[in-house]
Structure formats: structure tokens, C-alpha cells
Amino acid sequence: MISDILNSDVPVAVYVSPKGAHAASAGFFLLQAADIAAMAPVTRTGSAHPITPGGANDKDDVALRKAAEDLAALIRAAAEARGRPAKLA
């Protein structure tokens, strides 16, 4: 979905709503990839991190660290492509 948004011939807007909603995890990636990222009042966005099947997160798991680094590079590139600060993404 992120690739489709970044390569769309028409501008893509992502809107987080209603009040109290959040765009965390994959939602954060979609928000960053959009040409226009908008949020209703009292909404939030949050962290995104890969997890292993079953939800276990072993911080020493090399494959999990590599997946996290790869996704971090993707979100930085998406943010930069949309004129947003990559460091914050």
C-alpha cells in the first residue's frame, strides 16, 4: 500500500478520524506516505515496530532488528519524499 501511495499519479490524502482515533503501527506508515496527512482534533499517531508471529519481541533477535531497520529506512524515505522531517519519522 505504501508503494502504491508513493507512486500514485494523483495526490493521496490520509485523514485520521473521528476524535479519539489513532494511526499507529501500519497506520503511521500510510499517514507518512500520503501527499496530504491530516488529523481530526483529539487524534494521535504512534509507534510502529515489527513483531514476530505470536507477538513475542526478543530484542536480541537479529531478523527482528533487521526488519525494524528496514522499516525505519522506508519511513524515513517516505517522509523525505513528502517534505517531512525524516528524523522525526
C-alpha atoms as a PDB file:
ATOM      1  CA  MET A   1       0.000   0.000   0.000  1.00  0.00           C
ATOM      2  CA  ILE A   2       2.820   2.397   0.788  1.00  0.00           C
ATOM      3  CA  SER A   3       4.397   1.821  -2.616  1.00  0.00           C
ATOM      4  CA  ASP A   4       1.043   2.429  -4.304  1.00  0.00           C
ATOM      5  CA  ILE A   5       0.558   5.677  -2.393  1.00  0.00           C
ATOM      6  CA  LEU A   6       4.087   6.922  -3.135  1.00  0.00           C
ATOM      7  CA  ASN A   7       3.733   6.073  -6.832  1.00  0.00           C
ATOM      8  CA  SER A   8       0.177   7.296  -7.329  1.00  0.00           C
ATOM      9  CA  ASP A   9      -0.447   9.590 -10.312  1.00  0.00           C
ATOM     10  CA  VAL A  10      -2.973  11.528  -8.238  1.00  0.00           C
ATOM     11  CA  PRO A  11      -2.391  13.076  -4.824  1.00  0.00           C
ATOM     12  CA  VAL A  12      -3.368  10.843  -1.926  1.00  0.00           C
ATOM     13  CA  ALA A  13      -4.812  12.223   1.298  1.00  0.00           C
ATOM     14  CA  VAL A  14      -4.921  10.273   4.541  1.00  0.00           C
ATOM     15  CA  TYR A  15      -7.228  11.572   7.241  1.00  0.00           C
ATOM     16  CA  VAL A  16      -7.246  10.215  10.781  1.00  0.00           C
ATOM     17  CA  SER A  17     -10.673  10.487  12.361  1.00  0.00           C
ATOM     18  CA  PRO A  18     -13.004  10.550  14.317  1.00  0.00           C
ATOM     19  CA  LYS A  19     -11.975  12.152  17.613  1.00  0.00           C
ATOM     20  CA  GLY A  20     -10.093   9.621  19.700  1.00  0.00           C
ATOM     21  CA  ALA A  21      -8.845   7.644  16.675  1.00  0.00           C
ATOM     22  CA  HIS A  22      -5.189   6.822  16.167  1.00  0.00           C
ATOM     23  CA  ALA A  23      -2.902   5.964  13.283  1.00  0.00           C
ATOM     24  CA  ALA A  24      -0.309   3.777  14.923  1.00  0.00           C
ATOM     25  CA  SER A  25       1.790   0.978  13.518  1.00  0.00           C
ATOM     26  CA  ALA A  26       0.941   0.500   9.821  1.00  0.00           C
ATOM     27  CA  GLY A  27      -1.400   3.492  10.016  1.00  0.00           C
ATOM     28  CA  PHE A  28       1.608   5.681  10.767  1.00  0.00           C
ATOM     29  CA  PHE A  29       3.317   4.444   7.603  1.00  0.00           C
ATOM     30  CA  LEU A  30       0.256   5.214   5.498  1.00  0.00           C
ATOM     31  CA  LEU A  31      -0.012   8.679   7.039  1.00  0.00           C
ATOM     32  CA  GLN A  32       3.641   9.442   6.255  1.00  0.00           C
ATOM     33  CA  ALA A  33       3.376   8.155   2.670  1.00  0.00           C
ATOM     34  CA  ALA A  34       0.393  10.366   1.842  1.00  0.00           C
ATOM     35  CA  ASP A  35       0.752  13.613  -0.081  1.00  0.00           C
ATOM     36  CA  ILE A  36      -1.609  15.182   2.425  1.00  0.00           C
ATOM     37  CA  ALA A  37      -1.599  13.937   6.018  1.00  0.00           C
ATOM     38  CA  ALA A  38      -4.408  15.331   8.139  1.00  0.00           C
ATOM     39  CA  MET A  39      -5.788  14.528  11.538  1.00  0.00           C
ATOM     40  CA  ALA A  40      -9.032  15.424  13.280  1.00  0.00           C
ATOM     41  CA  PRO A  41      -8.801  17.066  16.696  1.00  0.00           C
ATOM     42  CA  VAL A  42      -8.018  14.708  19.578  1.00  0.00           C
ATOM     43  CA  THR A  43      -6.465  12.062  17.336  1.00  0.00           C
ATOM     44  CA  ARG A  44      -2.965  10.718  17.578  1.00  0.00           C
ATOM     45  CA  THR A  45      -0.326   8.792  15.736  1.00  0.00           C
ATOM     46  CA  GLY A  46       2.134   6.429  17.276  1.00  0.00           C
ATOM     47  CA  SER A  47       4.938   3.995  17.065  1.00  0.00           C
ATOM     48  CA  ALA A  48       5.363   1.282  14.513  1.00  0.00           C
ATOM     49  CA  HIS A  49       7.528  -1.743  15.092  1.00  0.00           C
ATOM     50  CA  PRO A  50       7.546  -5.227  13.603  1.00  0.00           C
ATOM     51  CA  ILE A  51       6.622  -8.114  15.835  1.00  0.00           C
ATOM     52  CA  THR A  52       7.259 -11.801  15.469  1.00  0.00           C
ATOM     53  CA  PRO A  53       4.427 -14.305  14.971  1.00  0.00           C
ATOM     54  CA  GLY A  54       2.638 -14.751  18.254  1.00  0.00           C
ATOM     55  CA  GLY A  55       3.621 -11.253  19.382  1.00  0.00           C
ATOM     56  CA  ALA A  56       6.915 -12.135  21.063  1.00  0.00           C
ATOM     57  CA  ASN A  57       9.546  -9.437  20.737  1.00  0.00           C
ATOM     58  CA  ASP A  58      13.040 -10.665  21.515  1.00  0.00           C
ATOM     59  CA  LYS A  59      15.307  -7.586  21.393  1.00  0.00           C
ATOM     60  CA  ASP A  60      18.244  -9.879  20.570  1.00  0.00           C
ATOM     61  CA  ASP A  61      16.512 -11.397  17.511  1.00  0.00           C
ATOM     62  CA  VAL A  62      18.693 -10.463  14.522  1.00  0.00           C
ATOM     63  CA  ALA A  63      15.889 -10.929  11.983  1.00  0.00           C
ATOM     64  CA  LEU A  64      13.600  -8.670  14.009  1.00  0.00           C
ATOM     65  CA  ARG A  65      16.296  -5.984  14.269  1.00  0.00           C
ATOM     66  CA  LYS A  66      16.904  -6.161  10.522  1.00  0.00           C
ATOM     67  CA  ALA A  67      13.174  -5.855   9.826  1.00  0.00           C
ATOM     68  CA  ALA A  68      12.969  -2.845  12.145  1.00  0.00           C
ATOM     69  CA  GLU A  69      15.947  -1.161  10.445  1.00  0.00           C
ATOM     70  CA  ASP A  70      14.462  -1.812   7.004  1.00  0.00           C
ATOM     71  CA  LEU A  71      11.095  -0.351   8.004  1.00  0.00           C
ATOM     72  CA  ALA A  72      12.806   2.651   9.595  1.00  0.00           C
ATOM     73  CA  ALA A  73      14.602   3.335   6.313  1.00  0.00           C
ATOM     74  CA  LEU A  74      11.300   3.062   4.439  1.00  0.00           C
ATOM     75  CA  ILE A  75       9.513   5.528   6.709  1.00  0.00           C
ATOM     76  CA  ARG A  76      12.422   7.994   6.548  1.00  0.00           C
ATOM     77  CA  ALA A  77      12.365   7.835   2.744  1.00  0.00           C
ATOM     78  CA  ALA A  78       8.581   8.285   2.644  1.00  0.00           C
ATOM     79  CA  ALA A  79       8.779  11.263   4.984  1.00  0.00           C
ATOM     80  CA  GLU A  80      11.536  12.888   2.922  1.00  0.00           C
ATOM     81  CA  ALA A  81       9.580  12.297  -0.300  1.00  0.00           C
ATOM     82  CA  ARG A  82       6.695  14.256   1.196  1.00  0.00           C
ATOM     83  CA  GLY A  83       8.833  17.079   2.606  1.00  0.00           C
ATOM     84  CA  ARG A  84       8.519  15.925   6.206  1.00  0.00           C
ATOM     85  CA  PRO A  85      11.429  15.621   8.657  1.00  0.00           C
ATOM     86  CA  ALA A  86      12.869  12.130   8.235  1.00  0.00           C
ATOM     87  CA  LYS A  87      14.465  12.240  11.678  1.00  0.00           C
ATOM     88  CA  LEU A  88      11.086  12.679  13.336  1.00  0.00           C
ATOM     89  CA  ALA A  89       9.546   9.868  11.302  1.00  0.00           C
END
